[in-house]
């Protein structure tokens, strides 16, 4: 991997695409040349990157010649079609979609947890589901010390998880509602303003779980490399622009105290404690928005488990950053190190 790689962003005009660029700037990620790729409707427009205008090109089979790193955030269909083409052209693909996450030949990486898997890539590295990242960043440091047997999650997922169009629909529908006007939903399946509903992915008629919930279950087991861990999850879309939250209860193999959990998480990379009982101040979207860290708080005993093996807590993380763009850039930052190793 070169010190000044040619970087392509597929889906550059989307919500995550914009965060790719902002995150590369914030972290001074070296870029020799940026190729901005999007759909035909955006081709010909320009964007600003480090003081220069970059022409947006239509994503095509010829887009990846000379590209070293290709960051994908344009949906699973686009990733499945174009990622192999990018790899054949010589690029390493870091993919934000669900297309390759459960492929046994593709590393599924959260750098704070399993960076070593990056070295095993065969051209494609997958970024996990944003909800999985949010929860597992807080759970992994504990799991390393005292294996977690079972996790129950309830999520509060923002519009940003469904992209820029969903964020805009939330803004417009809220404005309409405040003005007493009707606003038929277009992006979301249900009215979004002042409402919440089951995550807008298809539901398996047999299990009753939607795709988002199934992803969290499967990805947790793959990342933790533990097929025995029991995961129950309910994913809900809430009327918040950005930042996902989750209420988590977990059960460990051995007894564990609130103090132990706080001590473990205090020094955990990428995690910040926000746990003030006196002020009733805990992780909130308004504080996590724009932040790299996963906020963790409301750490307390699970009173339904008298054995002392279970803890409840609440987490909050910016879906567009650690849940997507930041995690991908962190992977890309490690590519030169892994290549030289």
Protein backbone atom coordinates (compact mmCIF):
# COMPACT_ATOMS: atom_id res chain seq x y z
CA UNK A 1 0.00 0.00 0.00
CA UNK A 2 1.40 3.37 -1.06
CA UNK A 3 1.86 6.27 1.34
CA UNK A 4 -0.27 8.46 -0.96
CA UNK A 5 -2.96 6.02 -2.14
CA UNK A 6 -5.51 6.70 -4.82
CA UNK A 7 -8.81 6.48 -2.96
CA UNK A 8 -12.19 5.95 -4.59
CA UNK A 9 -15.47 6.58 -2.79
CA UNK A 10 -18.47 4.79 -4.26
CA UNK A 11 -21.58 6.58 -3.05
CA UNK A 12 -19.79 9.85 -2.43
CA UNK A 13 -22.97 11.97 -2.50
CA UNK A 14 -24.72 10.01 0.23
CA UNK A 15 -24.73 10.70 3.97
CA UNK A 16 -21.88 8.26 4.64
CA UNK A 17 -19.96 9.45 1.58
CA UNK A 18 -19.83 12.96 2.99
CA UNK A 19 -18.59 11.57 6.32
CA UNK A 20 -15.85 9.61 4.52
CA UNK A 21 -14.42 12.89 3.25
CA UNK A 22 -14.84 14.73 6.56
CA UNK A 23 -13.27 11.85 8.50
CA UNK A 24 -10.28 11.59 6.16
CA UNK A 25 -9.67 15.30 6.68
CA UNK A 26 -10.09 15.13 10.45
CA UNK A 27 -7.66 12.23 10.77
CA UNK A 28 -5.23 13.55 8.11
CA UNK A 29 -5.62 10.36 6.13
CA UNK A 30 -3.13 10.44 3.24
CA UNK A 31 -4.74 10.66 -0.19
CA UNK A 32 -2.73 11.07 -3.36
CA UNK A 33 -5.85 11.36 -5.49
CA UNK A 34 -9.57 11.12 -4.77
CA UNK A 35 -11.99 9.53 -7.22
CA UNK A 36 -15.55 10.58 -6.41
CA UNK A 37 -18.05 8.04 -7.73
CA UNK A 38 -21.84 8.19 -7.71
CA UNK A 39 -24.88 7.51 -9.87
CA UNK A 40 -25.45 9.08 -13.28
CA UNK A 41 -27.64 11.83 -11.84
CA UNK A 42 -24.72 13.21 -9.83
CA UNK A 43 -22.07 12.80 -12.52
CA UNK A 44 -20.59 16.10 -13.68
CA UNK A 45 -21.08 17.87 -10.37
CA UNK A 46 -18.10 18.73 -8.18
CA UNK A 47 -17.21 18.55 -4.52
CA UNK A 48 -14.53 20.25 -2.44
CA UNK A 49 -11.66 18.13 -1.16
CA UNK A 50 -8.65 19.70 0.53
CA UNK A 51 -8.88 22.96 -1.33
CA UNK A 52 -9.58 21.45 -4.73
CA UNK A 53 -12.65 20.77 -6.82
CA UNK A 54 -13.12 17.06 -7.55
CA UNK A 55 -15.33 16.03 -10.45
CA UNK A 56 -17.94 13.42 -9.57
CA UNK A 57 -17.88 10.54 -12.04
CA UNK A 58 -20.54 7.97 -12.80
CA UNK A 59 -19.69 4.65 -11.19
CA UNK A 60 -18.83 2.16 -13.91
CA UNK A 61 -16.78 -0.96 -14.54
CA UNK A 62 -13.85 1.26 -15.57
CA UNK A 63 -13.85 3.38 -12.42
CA UNK A 64 -11.17 1.50 -10.48
CA UNK A 65 -8.10 1.46 -12.68
CA UNK A 66 -5.18 2.72 -10.61
CA UNK A 67 -7.24 2.79 -7.39
CA UNK A 68 -5.55 1.53 -4.21
CA UNK A 69 -8.43 1.76 -1.73
CA UNK A 70 -12.12 1.73 -2.63
CA UNK A 71 -14.57 2.81 0.05
CA UNK A 72 -18.09 1.60 -0.72
CA UNK A 73 -21.31 2.98 0.74
CA UNK A 74 -23.82 2.73 -2.07
CA UNK A 75 -25.93 -0.25 -1.04
CA UNK A 76 -25.56 -4.01 -1.19
CA UNK A 77 -26.45 -4.36 -4.85
CA UNK A 78 -23.80 -1.89 -5.95
CA UNK A 79 -21.21 -3.53 -3.69
CA UNK A 80 -21.95 -7.01 -5.00
CA UNK A 81 -21.61 -5.82 -8.58
CA UNK A 82 -18.63 -3.50 -8.40
CA UNK A 83 -16.48 -4.72 -5.49
CA UNK A 84 -15.10 -7.75 -7.38
CA UNK A 85 -14.32 -5.43 -10.30
CA UNK A 86 -12.43 -3.08 -7.99
CA UNK A 87 -10.47 -5.98 -6.48
CA UNK A 88 -9.58 -7.32 -9.92
CA UNK A 89 -8.26 -3.84 -10.80
CA UNK A 90 -5.95 -3.99 -7.78
CA UNK A 91 -7.89 -2.10 -5.11
CA UNK A 92 -8.64 -3.12 -1.55
CA UNK A 93 -12.35 -2.67 -0.93
CA UNK A 94 -13.69 -1.52 2.45
CA UNK A 95 -17.42 -2.09 2.17
CA UNK A 96 -20.12 -0.55 4.36
CA UNK A 97 -22.99 -2.62 2.99
CA UNK A 98 -24.28 -5.99 4.16
CA UNK A 99 -23.20 -7.67 0.91
CA UNK A 100 -20.16 -9.54 2.22
CA UNK A 101 -20.45 -9.43 6.00
CA UNK A 102 -21.34 -13.07 6.47
CA UNK A 103 -19.06 -14.37 3.71
CA UNK A 104 -16.60 -16.67 5.52
CA UNK A 105 -13.80 -15.44 3.24
CA UNK A 106 -14.37 -11.76 4.09
CA UNK A 107 -13.10 -10.28 7.39
CA UNK A 108 -15.79 -8.42 9.34
CA UNK A 109 -13.81 -5.84 11.26
CA UNK A 110 -14.16 -3.43 14.14
CA UNK A 111 -10.51 -2.34 14.61
CA UNK A 112 -10.76 -2.03 18.39
CA UNK A 113 -11.91 -5.65 18.53
CA UNK A 114 -10.38 -7.72 15.73
CA UNK A 115 -7.92 -5.62 13.72
CA UNK A 116 -5.80 -8.73 13.20
CA UNK A 117 -8.38 -10.05 10.76
CA UNK A 118 -7.50 -7.28 8.30
CA UNK A 119 -4.36 -9.19 7.30
CA UNK A 120 -6.54 -12.09 6.13
CA UNK A 121 -8.43 -10.14 3.49
CA UNK A 122 -8.61 -11.34 -0.11
CA UNK A 123 -9.43 -7.92 -1.46
CA UNK A 124 -12.60 -7.10 0.49
CA UNK A 125 -13.04 -6.10 4.13
CA UNK A 126 -16.55 -5.62 5.50
CA UNK A 127 -17.70 -2.97 7.96
CA UNK A 128 -20.30 -4.39 10.37
CA UNK A 129 -23.85 -3.20 10.79
CA UNK A 130 -24.00 0.14 12.57
CA UNK A 131 -26.10 -1.23 15.42
CA UNK A 132 -23.72 -4.13 15.94
CA UNK A 133 -20.75 -1.74 16.10
CA UNK A 134 -22.51 0.49 18.63
CA UNK A 135 -23.29 -2.41 20.96
CA UNK A 136 -20.15 -4.50 20.50
CA UNK A 137 -17.76 -1.63 21.18
CA UNK A 138 -19.18 -1.55 24.72
CA UNK A 139 -19.55 -5.31 25.14
CA UNK A 140 -16.19 -6.54 23.82
CA UNK A 141 -13.95 -5.22 26.63
CA UNK A 142 -16.23 -6.98 29.12
CA UNK A 143 -16.43 -10.17 27.05
CA UNK A 144 -12.62 -10.39 27.03
CA UNK A 145 -12.52 -10.44 30.85
CA UNK A 146 -15.69 -12.39 31.62
CA UNK A 147 -17.33 -14.19 28.71
CA UNK A 148 -20.80 -12.88 27.89
CA UNK A 149 -23.25 -15.75 27.51
CA UNK A 150 -26.36 -13.82 26.55
CA UNK A 151 -27.28 -10.34 25.31
CA UNK A 152 -30.68 -8.69 25.01
CA UNK A 153 -30.76 -5.44 23.02
CA UNK A 154 -33.48 -2.93 22.24
CA UNK A 155 -32.36 -0.32 19.73
CA UNK A 156 -33.39 3.27 19.07
CA UNK A 157 -32.19 3.87 15.51
CA UNK A 158 -32.06 7.25 13.85
CA UNK A 159 -32.91 8.43 10.36
CA UNK A 160 -29.24 8.54 9.37
CA UNK A 161 -29.22 4.74 9.25
CA UNK A 162 -31.56 4.92 6.28
CA UNK A 163 -29.56 7.59 4.46
CA UNK A 164 -29.80 11.23 3.54
CA UNK A 165 -33.29 10.90 2.03
CA UNK A 166 -34.69 9.53 5.29
CA UNK A 167 -33.08 12.35 7.23
CA UNK A 168 -34.69 14.87 4.89
CA UNK A 169 -38.07 13.15 5.23
CA UNK A 170 -37.86 13.43 9.01
CA UNK A 171 -37.12 17.16 8.76
CA UNK A 172 -39.89 17.84 6.24
CA UNK A 173 -42.51 15.67 7.94
CA UNK A 174 -41.77 17.27 11.30
CA UNK A 175 -42.13 20.74 9.82
CA UNK A 176 -45.41 19.72 8.17
CA UNK A 177 -46.74 18.20 11.39
CA UNK A 178 -45.95 21.34 13.38
CA UNK A 179 -47.81 23.38 10.76
CA UNK A 180 -50.82 21.06 10.89
CA UNK A 181 -50.20 19.77 7.37
CA UNK A 182 -50.44 16.23 6.06
CA UNK A 183 -47.20 14.59 4.94
CA UNK A 184 -47.57 11.19 3.25
CA UNK A 185 -44.40 9.11 3.89
CA UNK A 186 -42.27 8.43 0.87
CA UNK A 187 -38.92 7.05 2.10
CA UNK A 188 -40.16 5.40 5.29
CA UNK A 189 -43.10 2.97 5.42
CA UNK A 190 -44.90 4.92 8.17
CA UNK A 191 -45.26 8.55 9.26
CA UNK A 192 -41.94 9.54 10.79
CA UNK A 193 -42.55 12.78 12.68
CA UNK A 194 -43.36 12.22 16.37
CA UNK A 195 -43.59 8.48 15.74
CA UNK A 196 -41.52 5.32 16.06
CA UNK A 197 -41.92 1.94 14.42
CA UNK A 198 -40.29 -1.44 13.87
CA UNK A 199 -37.11 -1.15 11.81
CA UNK A 200 -37.97 -0.78 8.13
CA UNK A 201 -36.37 -3.97 6.86
CA UNK A 202 -38.33 -7.06 5.75
CA UNK A 203 -39.56 -9.40 8.47
CA UNK A 204 -38.98 -13.12 8.25
CA UNK A 205 -42.49 -14.62 8.39
CA UNK A 206 -41.20 -17.69 10.23
CA UNK A 207 -39.06 -16.14 12.96
CA UNK A 208 -40.72 -12.73 13.18
CA UNK A 209 -37.30 -11.04 13.17
CA UNK A 210 -36.50 -8.31 10.66
CA UNK A 211 -33.29 -8.23 8.63
CA UNK A 212 -31.65 -5.65 10.89
CA UNK A 213 -32.18 -7.86 13.93
CA UNK A 214 -30.86 -10.93 12.14
CA UNK A 215 -27.73 -9.01 11.11
CA UNK A 216 -26.98 -8.06 14.70
CA UNK A 217 -27.31 -11.67 15.85
CA UNK A 218 -25.14 -13.13 13.10
CA UNK A 219 -22.50 -10.39 13.13
CA UNK A 220 -22.07 -10.52 16.89
CA UNK A 221 -21.21 -14.20 16.68
CA UNK A 222 -18.81 -13.71 13.78
CA UNK A 223 -16.95 -10.75 15.29
CA UNK A 224 -16.73 -12.31 18.76
CA UNK A 225 -15.89 -15.66 17.15
CA UNK A 226 -18.39 -17.26 19.50
CA UNK A 227 -21.29 -19.19 17.98
CA UNK A 228 -22.61 -20.02 21.45
CA UNK A 229 -23.45 -16.47 22.46
CA UNK A 230 -27.22 -15.99 22.71
CA UNK A 231 -28.50 -12.72 21.25
CA UNK A 232 -32.05 -11.35 21.40
CA UNK A 233 -32.72 -8.03 19.71
CA UNK A 234 -35.58 -5.68 18.84
CA UNK A 235 -34.71 -2.88 16.40
CA UNK A 236 -36.86 0.26 16.33
CA UNK A 237 -36.65 3.37 14.18
CA UNK A 238 -37.03 6.62 16.17
CA UNK A 239 -37.49 10.26 15.02
CA UNK A 240 -33.89 11.35 15.65
CA UNK A 241 -31.73 12.68 12.80
CA UNK A 242 -28.48 10.92 13.62
CA UNK A 243 -27.02 8.67 16.34
CA UNK A 244 -28.20 5.18 17.25
CA UNK A 245 -28.85 4.13 20.84
CA UNK A 246 -29.37 0.76 22.47
CA UNK A 247 -30.55 -0.53 25.83
CA UNK A 248 -28.44 -3.60 26.58
CA UNK A 249 -28.70 -6.30 29.22
CA UNK A 250 -25.96 -8.93 29.23
CA UNK A 251 -25.24 -12.05 31.27
CA UNK A 252 -21.69 -13.17 32.00
CA UNK A 253 -20.36 -16.62 32.84
CA UNK A 254 -19.10 -15.40 36.22
CA UNK A 255 -20.60 -12.86 38.59
CA UNK A 256 -19.81 -9.26 37.67
CA UNK A 257 -20.38 -5.96 39.47
CA UNK A 258 -21.18 -2.43 38.33
CA UNK A 259 -17.76 -1.33 39.56
CA UNK A 260 -15.99 -3.95 37.47
CA UNK A 261 -17.86 -2.89 34.36
CA UNK A 262 -17.06 0.78 34.90
CA UNK A 263 -13.40 0.00 35.53
CA UNK A 264 -13.17 -2.09 32.36
CA UNK A 265 -14.90 0.49 30.18
CA UNK A 266 -12.97 3.45 31.60
CA UNK A 267 -9.86 2.34 29.72
CA UNK A 268 -11.56 0.77 26.70
CA UNK A 269 -10.52 2.28 23.34
CA UNK A 270 -13.24 4.18 21.52
CA UNK A 271 -15.56 4.18 24.55
CA UNK A 272 -16.44 7.07 26.86
CA UNK A 273 -18.39 6.76 30.11
CA UNK A 274 -21.35 9.10 30.56
CA UNK A 275 -22.85 7.77 33.75
CA UNK A 276 -23.98 10.47 36.20
CA UNK A 277 -26.77 9.21 38.44
CA UNK A 278 -26.89 12.38 40.52
CA UNK A 279 -27.77 14.54 37.51
CA UNK A 280 -29.66 11.76 35.71
CA UNK A 281 -27.23 12.34 32.84
CA UNK A 282 -26.55 9.42 30.55
CA UNK A 283 -25.76 8.84 26.85
CA UNK A 284 -27.93 10.89 24.50
CA UNK A 285 -27.97 11.46 20.74
CA UNK A 286 -27.40 15.18 21.23
CA UNK A 287 -24.06 14.44 22.92
CA UNK A 288 -22.97 11.55 20.69
CA UNK A 289 -23.67 13.36 17.41
CA UNK A 290 -20.42 14.19 15.63
CA UNK A 291 -18.36 12.27 18.19
CA UNK A 292 -16.02 9.37 17.43
CA UNK A 293 -16.53 7.59 20.75
CA UNK A 294 -19.34 5.27 21.77
CA UNK A 295 -20.98 6.72 24.89
CA UNK A 296 -21.85 4.22 27.64
CA UNK A 297 -23.84 4.76 30.81
CA UNK A 298 -26.80 3.72 33.01
CA UNK A 299 -24.59 0.87 34.20
CA UNK A 300 -26.50 -1.04 36.85
CA UNK A 301 -27.25 -4.50 38.16
CA UNK A 302 -29.99 -6.40 36.39
CA UNK A 303 -32.33 -6.87 39.33
CA UNK A 304 -34.15 -9.68 37.53
CA UNK A 305 -31.01 -11.84 37.90
CA UNK A 306 -30.31 -12.49 41.60
CA UNK A 307 -27.20 -14.52 40.69
CA UNK A 308 -25.23 -11.32 40.04
CA UNK A 309 -24.16 -12.39 36.54
CA UNK A 310 -26.10 -9.69 34.64
CA UNK A 311 -25.70 -5.96 34.00
CA UNK A 312 -27.91 -3.43 32.21
CA UNK A 313 -26.56 -0.37 30.41
CA UNK A 314 -27.33 2.18 27.69
CA UNK A 315 -25.13 3.11 24.73
CA UNK A 316 -25.18 5.84 22.10
CA UNK A 317 -23.01 6.31 18.99
CA UNK A 318 -23.00 8.36 15.81
CA UNK A 319 -24.19 5.98 13.12
CA UNK A 320 -22.50 7.96 10.36
CA UNK A 321 -19.14 7.97 12.15
CA UNK A 322 -18.18 4.95 14.27
CA UNK A 323 -21.17 3.12 12.83
CA UNK A 324 -19.97 3.61 9.27
CA UNK A 325 -17.38 6.08 7.91
CA UNK A 326 -15.00 6.23 10.88
CA UNK A 327 -14.85 2.46 11.23
CA UNK A 328 -14.05 2.17 7.51
CA UNK A 329 -11.31 4.80 7.64
CA UNK A 330 -9.80 3.13 10.71
CA UNK A 331 -9.58 -0.09 8.68
CA UNK A 332 -7.99 1.77 5.78
CA UNK A 333 -5.44 3.33 8.13
CA UNK A 334 -4.29 -0.13 9.15
CA UNK A 335 -3.88 -1.44 5.61
CA UNK A 336 -0.27 -0.16 5.14
CA UNK A 337 0.78 -1.61 8.51
CA UNK A 338 -0.79 -4.95 7.74
CA UNK A 339 0.66 -5.00 4.23
CA UNK A 340 4.19 -4.36 5.51
CA UNK A 341 3.77 -6.99 8.24
